[in-house]
Protein backbone atom coordinates (compact mmCIF):
# COMPACT_ATOMS: atom_id res chain seq x y z
CA MET A 1 -273.78 -170.39 -58.31
CA GLU A 2 -271.11 -173.39 -58.11
CA GLU A 3 -268.45 -171.48 -59.88
CA LYS A 4 -269.24 -168.27 -57.00
CA ILE A 5 -268.62 -170.36 -53.74
CA ASP A 6 -265.16 -172.66 -55.34
CA GLU A 7 -263.89 -168.87 -55.83
CA LYS A 8 -265.09 -167.78 -51.98
CA LYS A 9 -263.24 -170.63 -50.71
CA LEU A 10 -259.73 -169.96 -53.08
CA ALA A 11 -260.54 -166.11 -52.53
CA ASP A 12 -260.27 -167.10 -48.37
CA GLY A 13 -256.59 -167.95 -48.19
CA SER A 14 -257.04 -171.39 -46.48
CA LEU A 15 -254.65 -173.75 -47.34
CA SER A 16 -256.72 -177.29 -47.44
CA SER A 17 -255.87 -179.42 -50.56
CA ASP A 18 -258.90 -178.69 -52.82
CA ASN A 19 -256.69 -174.84 -53.13
CA LEU A 20 -253.60 -176.49 -53.89
CA ASP A 21 -252.60 -176.11 -57.68
CA THR A 22 -251.22 -179.55 -58.87
CA THR A 23 -249.15 -178.51 -61.48
CA SER A 24 -245.75 -178.75 -62.38
CA VAL A 25 -243.39 -175.11 -61.70
CA LEU A 26 -240.67 -177.40 -63.62
CA GLU A 27 -243.48 -178.11 -65.93
CA GLY A 28 -242.47 -175.96 -69.37
CA ALA A 29 -237.97 -175.98 -67.76
CA GLU A 30 -235.19 -175.13 -70.03
CA PRO A 31 -232.55 -178.12 -69.43
CA TRP A 32 -229.12 -176.46 -67.64
CA ASP A 33 -226.41 -176.49 -70.05
CA LYS A 34 -222.99 -178.24 -68.90
CA ALA A 35 -221.59 -174.58 -68.59
CA GLU A 36 -224.24 -173.46 -66.79
CA THR A 37 -223.51 -175.93 -64.05
CA GLN A 38 -219.89 -175.12 -64.46
CA LEU A 39 -220.06 -171.49 -63.51
CA VAL A 40 -223.36 -172.18 -60.38
CA VAL A 41 -220.49 -175.07 -58.66
CA GLY A 42 -218.04 -172.72 -59.21
CA SER A 43 -219.72 -169.97 -57.30
CA PHE A 44 -220.42 -172.28 -54.27
CA ILE A 45 -216.33 -173.02 -54.30
CA ALA A 46 -215.79 -169.10 -55.19
CA ALA A 47 -218.35 -168.46 -51.74
CA ALA A 48 -216.89 -171.48 -49.67
CA VAL A 49 -213.41 -170.37 -49.86
CA ALA A 50 -214.18 -166.02 -49.39
CA LEU A 51 -216.33 -167.22 -45.84
CA ILE A 52 -212.96 -169.45 -45.10
CA VAL A 53 -210.47 -166.42 -45.85
CA GLY A 54 -212.87 -164.70 -43.88
CA LEU A 55 -213.42 -166.80 -40.79
CA MET A 56 -208.94 -166.26 -41.16
CA LEU A 57 -209.00 -162.69 -41.13
CA VAL A 58 -211.27 -161.39 -38.34
CA PRO A 59 -210.28 -163.11 -35.53
CA THR A 60 -207.28 -162.39 -36.19
CA SER A 61 -207.72 -158.84 -37.08
CA ILE A 62 -209.52 -158.36 -33.39
CA LEU A 63 -207.00 -159.95 -31.95
CA HIS A 64 -203.73 -157.65 -33.91
């Protein structure tokens, strides 16, 4: 009987501390290689450069 009450509590969608799963989401994650870190950093750098170039080109193209 107690299990059915707990299942009902979980099904109601409440965010009480009783319903939160405390297991780590990174528990089974594998560590990153150095190459993967470099790819992510390179992607951020490329995005920043593209943003800066875009911010320079758009106003000049509107004014001409």
